[in-house]
């Protein structure tokens, strides 16, 4: 079933509003411009609300089903001709961006056209909700690989803390400069926050390398799950003592970070200082479980260099494990698709270093050609 027929059937009221919204926009052919006197404008340079090229294609070619030319020349993805009131227009998506060609220089007419288009976009967002949901539920989607950027954020704060943190661990010397010590703490906490953000990101991107049933498990559920669930889903530490050991080490680091991620308070009673009669105010460490006991011994925060050591050793372990080739794909910056055909290609790629090299070379050649619009 076409997108148009699907939304007409599921949302007849919205479909009627959509058609009323763009009643002034009608189909035309590229040959209809008899005088050939068109003015061309880069849409990003116009004083209008910008529209995404893919939304133009959806509205005009998939919902209105106008004729269009597609990849008929280098550096151009599509040309869509139409009429707005009595004006002949063409939307072209070229390497330099989205272009509007129209046989008028009247800014009001151009502004009115984009008001209509943007109103149609708002309705289209509602119309396509079920289409988008169905595609995601069937695994027909791509997740942007932002691991490189997220890792840069982690390394940025790590370098900040490193520059402020002296090699000498003598506590008295480190506390002499209170302002400097605060900066170390702030940057270390930011570093941990950035690292676990990066780590959760790669756990999601590693899912296609695992076995999972799309009819039962939704990737959206994994996206909203916490770090513990993601780690368990990908690495199955309950079946592997080595991964469980790393889980416990990382969990400890995560708890250092979580105190500041939850309003500056530790979980449960960890931020309370009970008043003990005859003693005064004392700090306590919360129990690990509801049946546990409170510890009167305050556990000092781990040193910055020890934090970095745990992370370094963990990452070295991963790149020496059977996750080396999947992680190499993520390091390349390649966005990850979750459809069945692509997952099969991913799993073929990690069968050997040679397969991986061929896979990456092919993928980036396709990406480069698409970016340059070399059809």
Protein backbone atom coordinates (compact mmCIF):
# COMPACT_ATOMS: atom_id res chain seq x y z
CA UNK A 1 0.00 0.00 0.00
CA UNK A 2 1.34 3.44 -0.93
CA UNK A 3 1.98 6.06 1.73
CA UNK A 4 -0.84 8.17 0.28
CA UNK A 5 -3.42 5.35 0.45
CA UNK A 6 -2.32 4.39 3.95
CA UNK A 7 -2.72 7.88 5.43
CA UNK A 8 -5.97 8.49 3.54
CA UNK A 9 -7.43 5.35 5.07
CA UNK A 10 -6.07 5.87 8.60
CA UNK A 11 -6.56 9.65 8.94
CA UNK A 12 -9.29 10.88 6.57
CA UNK A 13 -9.85 14.07 8.56
CA UNK A 14 -6.17 15.04 8.53
CA UNK A 15 -5.96 14.13 4.84
CA UNK A 16 -8.82 16.53 4.09
CA UNK A 17 -7.05 19.29 6.04
CA UNK A 18 -3.82 18.55 4.16
CA UNK A 19 -5.51 18.97 0.79
CA UNK A 20 -7.25 22.17 1.85
CA UNK A 21 -3.91 23.53 3.08
CA UNK A 22 -2.22 23.19 -0.31
CA UNK A 23 -5.23 23.67 -2.58
CA UNK A 24 -3.35 26.49 -4.32
CA UNK A 25 -0.51 24.11 -5.27
CA UNK A 26 -1.21 22.06 -8.37
CA UNK A 27 0.78 19.75 -10.60
CA UNK A 28 2.75 21.04 -13.59
CA UNK A 29 5.33 19.63 -15.98
CA UNK A 30 8.83 20.84 -16.66
CA UNK A 31 7.73 21.71 -20.20
CA UNK A 32 4.96 24.08 -19.07
CA UNK A 33 7.24 27.04 -18.46
CA UNK A 34 6.75 28.61 -21.84
CA UNK A 35 8.61 31.87 -21.28
CA UNK A 36 11.51 30.26 -19.37
CA UNK A 37 11.84 33.42 -17.25
CA UNK A 38 12.54 31.86 -13.85
CA UNK A 39 14.28 33.39 -10.86
CA UNK A 40 16.21 30.90 -8.72
CA UNK A 41 16.71 31.21 -4.97
CA UNK A 42 18.64 29.16 -2.43
CA UNK A 43 15.96 28.37 0.13
CA UNK A 44 18.42 28.73 3.03
CA UNK A 45 19.03 32.36 1.94
CA UNK A 46 15.34 33.32 1.83
CA UNK A 47 13.65 34.99 4.78
CA UNK A 48 11.29 32.06 5.31
CA UNK A 49 11.05 29.12 7.67
CA UNK A 50 13.44 26.58 6.22
CA UNK A 51 12.04 23.27 4.98
CA UNK A 52 13.87 19.97 4.77
CA UNK A 53 14.32 18.64 1.22
CA UNK A 54 12.97 15.21 2.17
CA UNK A 55 9.73 16.81 3.40
CA UNK A 56 9.31 18.54 0.04
CA UNK A 57 9.73 15.16 -1.67
CA UNK A 58 7.22 13.45 0.67
CA UNK A 59 4.56 16.14 0.23
CA UNK A 60 4.84 16.66 -3.51
CA UNK A 61 5.89 13.21 -4.75
CA UNK A 62 4.51 10.72 -2.24
CA UNK A 63 1.36 12.41 -0.92
CA UNK A 64 0.33 14.58 -3.89
CA UNK A 65 1.97 12.14 -6.32
CA UNK A 66 3.22 14.87 -8.67
CA UNK A 67 5.51 13.85 -11.51
CA UNK A 68 9.19 14.54 -10.93
CA UNK A 69 12.62 13.81 -12.34
CA UNK A 70 14.98 11.83 -10.12
CA UNK A 71 18.77 11.71 -10.42
CA UNK A 72 18.50 12.62 -14.09
CA UNK A 73 21.69 14.69 -13.90
CA UNK A 74 24.80 14.89 -11.75
CA UNK A 75 24.68 16.96 -8.56
CA UNK A 76 20.85 16.95 -8.54
CA UNK A 77 18.67 14.52 -6.62
CA UNK A 78 15.27 15.66 -7.89
CA UNK A 79 13.33 18.36 -9.79
CA UNK A 80 9.65 18.86 -8.92
CA UNK A 81 7.62 21.27 -11.03
CA UNK A 82 4.28 22.70 -9.85
CA UNK A 83 2.08 25.77 -9.91
CA UNK A 84 1.34 28.02 -6.95
CA UNK A 85 -1.74 30.05 -7.86
CA UNK A 86 -0.75 31.40 -11.29
CA UNK A 87 3.00 31.06 -10.85
CA UNK A 88 5.17 28.33 -12.29
CA UNK A 89 7.65 26.85 -9.78
CA UNK A 90 10.33 24.19 -9.50
CA UNK A 91 11.89 22.74 -6.36
CA UNK A 92 15.34 21.30 -7.07
CA UNK A 93 17.52 19.56 -4.54
CA UNK A 94 21.11 19.99 -5.66
CA UNK A 95 24.49 19.50 -4.01
CA UNK A 96 24.50 23.14 -2.90
CA UNK A 97 21.09 22.73 -1.26
CA UNK A 98 17.37 23.17 -1.91
CA UNK A 99 16.55 25.65 -4.69
CA UNK A 100 13.26 27.29 -5.57
CA UNK A 101 12.81 28.55 -9.12
CA UNK A 102 9.72 30.70 -9.75
CA UNK A 103 8.63 33.16 -12.42
CA UNK A 104 8.26 36.10 -10.05
CA UNK A 105 10.44 38.23 -7.82
CA UNK A 106 7.55 39.18 -5.55
CA UNK A 107 8.73 38.41 -1.99
CA UNK A 108 5.14 38.26 -0.74
CA UNK A 109 4.25 35.50 -3.21
CA UNK A 110 7.34 33.53 -2.24
CA UNK A 111 6.54 34.03 1.45
CA UNK A 112 2.95 32.87 0.93
CA UNK A 113 4.18 29.73 -0.83
CA UNK A 114 6.40 28.78 2.08
CA UNK A 115 3.64 29.47 4.60
CA UNK A 116 1.50 26.94 2.74
CA UNK A 117 4.36 24.45 2.53
CA UNK A 118 5.20 24.76 6.23
CA UNK A 119 1.55 24.32 7.19
CA UNK A 120 1.46 21.19 5.03
CA UNK A 121 4.62 19.94 6.78
CA UNK A 122 2.99 20.26 10.21
CA UNK A 123 0.00 18.20 9.03
CA UNK A 124 2.31 15.69 7.30
CA UNK A 125 4.14 15.10 10.58
CA UNK A 126 0.83 13.91 12.05
CA UNK A 127 -0.18 11.95 8.96
CA UNK A 128 3.06 10.00 8.88
CA UNK A 129 3.11 9.05 12.56
CA UNK A 130 1.80 5.52 11.99
CA UNK A 131 4.03 5.07 8.92
CA UNK A 132 7.09 6.02 10.94
CA UNK A 133 6.08 3.81 13.87
CA UNK A 134 5.56 0.82 11.58
CA UNK A 135 8.97 1.30 9.95
CA UNK A 136 10.70 1.48 13.35
CA UNK A 137 8.83 -1.54 14.72
CA UNK A 138 9.97 -3.56 11.72
CA UNK A 139 13.58 -2.48 12.15
CA UNK A 140 13.60 -0.37 9.00
CA UNK A 141 15.61 2.53 10.34
CA UNK A 142 19.12 3.90 10.76
CA UNK A 143 20.66 5.26 13.95
CA UNK A 144 23.20 8.03 13.56
CA UNK A 145 26.60 7.00 14.83
CA UNK A 146 27.62 9.85 17.11
CA UNK A 147 30.16 7.84 19.06
CA UNK A 148 33.05 9.92 17.75
CA UNK A 149 31.53 13.19 18.96
CA UNK A 150 30.50 11.72 22.31
CA UNK A 151 33.97 10.29 22.83
CA UNK A 152 35.52 13.67 22.03
CA UNK A 153 33.36 15.16 24.80
CA UNK A 154 34.65 12.55 27.25
CA UNK A 155 38.28 13.16 26.21
CA UNK A 156 37.79 16.93 26.48
CA UNK A 157 36.82 16.78 30.15
CA UNK A 158 39.42 14.10 30.81
CA UNK A 159 42.17 16.38 29.53
CA UNK A 160 40.77 19.28 31.55
CA UNK A 161 40.87 17.22 34.75
CA UNK A 162 44.28 15.78 33.90
CA UNK A 163 45.79 19.25 33.44
CA UNK A 164 44.50 20.28 36.85
CA UNK A 165 45.26 17.05 38.65
CA UNK A 166 48.88 16.76 39.83
CA UNK A 167 50.76 13.50 39.45
CA UNK A 168 51.52 13.56 43.18
CA UNK A 169 48.54 12.05 45.01
CA UNK A 170 49.40 13.51 48.41
CA UNK A 171 46.00 14.57 49.75
CA UNK A 172 47.31 17.51 51.77
CA UNK A 173 49.08 18.99 48.76
CA UNK A 174 46.02 18.47 46.54
CA UNK A 175 43.76 20.31 48.97
CA UNK A 176 45.95 23.40 49.26
CA UNK A 177 44.31 25.00 46.26
CA UNK A 178 40.59 24.71 46.99
CA UNK A 179 39.48 26.34 43.74
CA UNK A 180 41.72 24.06 41.74
CA UNK A 181 40.39 21.04 43.59
CA UNK A 182 36.81 22.05 42.79
CA UNK A 183 37.72 22.28 39.11
CA UNK A 184 39.21 18.79 39.25
CA UNK A 185 35.99 17.44 40.79
CA UNK A 186 33.75 19.26 38.31
CA UNK A 187 35.73 18.08 35.30
CA UNK A 188 36.03 14.52 36.60
CA UNK A 189 32.28 14.30 37.11
CA UNK A 190 31.71 15.77 33.63
CA UNK A 191 34.19 13.25 32.25
CA UNK A 192 32.30 10.34 33.83
CA UNK A 193 28.97 11.70 32.63
CA UNK A 194 30.36 12.00 29.09
CA UNK A 195 31.93 8.54 29.21
CA UNK A 196 28.74 6.75 30.22
CA UNK A 197 26.80 8.70 27.61
CA UNK A 198 29.33 7.49 25.03
CA UNK A 199 29.22 3.95 26.42
CA UNK A 200 25.42 3.72 26.31
CA UNK A 201 25.53 5.02 22.74
CA UNK A 202 27.84 2.26 21.53
CA UNK A 203 25.82 -0.39 23.39
CA UNK A 204 22.79 0.60 21.29
CA UNK A 205 24.84 0.56 18.09
CA UNK A 206 26.18 -2.92 18.91
CA UNK A 207 22.69 -4.47 19.03
CA UNK A 208 22.67 -5.50 15.33
CA UNK A 209 25.69 -7.71 16.07
CA UNK A 210 23.60 -9.67 18.58
CA UNK A 211 20.70 -12.00 17.94
CA UNK A 212 17.40 -10.26 18.53
CA UNK A 213 13.82 -10.84 17.44
CA UNK A 214 12.32 -7.62 16.09
CA UNK A 215 8.78 -8.94 16.50
CA UNK A 216 9.34 -9.30 20.24
CA UNK A 217 12.06 -6.80 21.18
CA UNK A 218 11.79 -3.15 20.18
CA UNK A 219 14.94 -1.12 19.82
CA UNK A 220 13.01 1.86 21.21
CA UNK A 221 12.69 -0.03 24.50
CA UNK A 222 16.44 -0.50 24.63
CA UNK A 223 16.97 3.19 23.90
CA UNK A 224 14.93 4.17 26.95
CA UNK A 225 16.46 1.50 29.22
CA UNK A 226 19.14 2.31 31.79
CA UNK A 227 22.84 1.58 31.40
CA UNK A 228 22.68 -1.63 33.44
CA UNK A 229 20.02 -3.14 31.18
CA UNK A 230 21.93 -2.13 28.04
CA UNK A 231 25.18 -3.63 29.33
CA UNK A 232 23.46 -6.87 30.27
CA UNK A 233 21.64 -7.06 26.94
CA UNK A 234 24.83 -6.76 24.88
CA UNK A 235 27.47 -8.50 26.98
CA UNK A 236 25.45 -11.06 29.03
CA UNK A 237 27.75 -10.76 32.09
CA UNK A 238 25.69 -13.30 34.02
CA UNK A 239 27.11 -15.92 31.63
CA UNK A 240 30.65 -14.58 31.58
CA UNK A 241 32.60 -13.86 34.81
CA UNK A 242 35.07 -11.59 33.00
CA UNK A 243 32.31 -9.28 31.74
CA UNK A 244 30.70 -9.40 35.19
CA UNK A 245 33.95 -8.24 36.73
CA UNK A 246 34.09 -5.30 34.34
CA UNK A 247 30.44 -4.57 34.98
CA UNK A 248 31.11 -4.22 38.70
CA UNK A 249 34.09 -1.91 38.12
CA UNK A 250 32.13 0.29 35.74
CA UNK A 251 29.13 0.28 38.06
CA UNK A 252 31.34 1.69 40.81
CA UNK A 253 32.45 4.51 38.51
CA UNK A 254 28.85 5.09 37.52
CA UNK A 255 27.85 5.54 41.13
CA UNK A 256 30.50 8.24 41.50
CA UNK A 257 28.90 9.96 38.54
CA UNK A 258 25.30 9.32 39.63
CA UNK A 259 25.57 11.37 42.80
CA UNK A 260 25.86 14.45 40.62
CA UNK A 261 23.48 13.19 37.94
CA UNK A 262 20.58 13.06 40.43
CA UNK A 263 20.51 16.55 41.86
CA UNK A 264 23.76 16.17 43.78
CA UNK A 265 22.33 13.52 46.10
CA UNK A 266 23.32 9.88 46.39
CA UNK A 267 20.73 7.13 46.09
CA UNK A 268 18.48 6.28 49.00
CA UNK A 269 20.02 7.58 52.26
CA UNK A 270 23.55 8.09 51.02
CA UNK A 271 23.42 11.87 51.34
CA UNK A 272 22.03 11.91 54.88
CA UNK A 273 24.12 12.74 57.92
CA UNK A 274 22.29 11.22 60.92
CA UNK A 275 22.43 12.95 64.29
CA UNK A 276 23.63 10.37 66.82
CA UNK A 277 22.97 11.27 70.46
CA UNK A 278 26.18 11.64 72.38
CA UNK A 279 28.23 11.60 69.20
CA UNK A 280 27.00 14.30 66.87
CA UNK A 281 26.60 14.39 63.09
CA UNK A 282 28.19 11.53 61.16
CA UNK A 283 28.21 10.47 57.51
CA UNK A 284 26.99 7.02 56.50
CA UNK A 285 27.27 4.85 53.43
CA UNK A 286 23.90 3.38 52.29
CA UNK A 287 23.43 -0.41 52.18
CA UNK A 288 23.71 -2.22 48.84
CA UNK A 289 20.20 -3.65 49.28
CA UNK A 290 17.13 -3.10 51.43
CA UNK A 291 18.24 -5.94 53.71
CA UNK A 292 21.76 -4.61 54.11
CA UNK A 293 23.28 -2.51 56.86
CA UNK A 294 24.58 1.05 56.92
CA UNK A 295 28.31 1.54 57.00
CA UNK A 296 29.76 4.14 59.32
CA UNK A 297 32.92 4.19 57.25
CA UNK A 298 32.90 6.92 54.63
CA UNK A 299 34.34 5.63 51.36
CA UNK A 300 36.58 8.24 49.79
CA UNK A 301 36.17 9.01 46.11
CA UNK A 302 38.52 7.12 43.89
CA UNK A 303 41.47 9.12 42.50
CA UNK A 304 41.16 10.61 39.02
CA UNK A 305 44.08 8.52 37.74
CA UNK A 306 42.47 5.33 39.05
CA UNK A 307 39.25 6.20 37.21
CA UNK A 308 41.20 6.64 33.98
CA UNK A 309 43.08 3.39 34.60
CA UNK A 310 39.83 1.41 34.90
CA UNK A 311 38.42 2.95 31.72
CA UNK A 312 41.67 2.42 29.78
CA UNK A 313 41.95 -1.22 30.83
CA UNK A 314 38.27 -1.85 30.07
CA UNK A 315 38.59 -0.44 26.56
CA UNK A 316 41.78 -2.40 25.93
CA UNK A 317 39.93 -5.54 27.02
CA UNK A 318 37.06 -4.85 24.58
CA UNK A 319 39.44 -4.32 21.65
CA UNK A 320 41.13 -7.62 22.41
CA UNK A 321 37.80 -9.45 22.66
CA UNK A 322 35.46 -10.75 19.97
CA UNK A 323 33.92 -7.26 19.89
CA UNK A 324 37.01 -5.81 18.20
CA UNK A 325 35.63 -5.80 14.63
CA UNK A 326 32.15 -4.47 15.53
CA UNK A 327 33.79 -1.69 17.53
CA UNK A 328 36.07 -0.94 14.57
CA UNK A 329 32.94 -0.36 12.47
CA UNK A 330 31.61 2.05 15.08
CA UNK A 331 34.98 3.82 15.26
CA UNK A 332 34.80 4.41 11.50
CA UNK A 333 31.80 6.68 12.10
CA UNK A 334 29.45 4.64 9.91
CA UNK A 335 25.76 5.08 10.75
CA UNK A 336 24.11 1.79 11.66
CA UNK A 337 21.03 0.39 9.94
CA UNK A 338 18.79 -2.15 11.66
CA UNK A 339 16.99 -3.75 8.71
CA UNK A 340 17.52 -7.48 8.10
CA UNK A 341 19.51 -7.10 4.88
CA UNK A 342 22.00 -4.70 6.45
CA UNK A 343 22.36 -6.74 9.64
CA UNK A 344 23.31 -9.73 7.50
CA UNK A 345 25.96 -7.61 5.77
CA UNK A 346 27.30 -6.42 9.14
CA UNK A 347 27.65 -9.96 10.40
CA UNK A 348 29.38 -11.01 7.18
CA UNK A 349 31.74 -8.05 7.54
CA UNK A 350 32.98 -9.11 10.97
CA UNK A 351 33.85 -12.64 9.91
CA UNK A 352 37.36 -11.49 9.03
CA UNK A 353 39.59 -8.42 8.82
CA UNK A 354 39.53 -8.72 5.02
CA UNK A 355 35.72 -8.76 4.93
CA UNK A 356 35.64 -5.74 7.21
CA UNK A 357 38.03 -3.74 5.06
CA UNK A 358 36.00 -4.46 1.90
CA UNK A 359 32.74 -3.62 3.67
CA UNK A 360 33.96 -0.25 4.95
CA UNK A 361 35.53 0.67 1.61
CA UNK A 362 32.26 -0.06 -0.21
CA UNK A 363 30.08 1.75 2.33
CA UNK A 364 32.13 4.93 2.33
CA UNK A 365 32.33 4.96 -1.45
CA UNK A 366 28.53 4.92 -1.57
CA UNK A 367 28.37 7.66 1.05
CA UNK A 368 30.87 9.84 -0.83
CA UNK A 369 28.99 9.40 -4.11
CA UNK A 370 25.70 10.32 -2.44
CA UNK A 371 27.25 13.36 -0.73
CA UNK A 372 28.68 14.57 -4.03
CA UNK A 373 25.50 13.57 -5.92
CA UNK A 374 27.53 11.58 -8.44
CA UNK A 375 24.84 9.40 -9.95
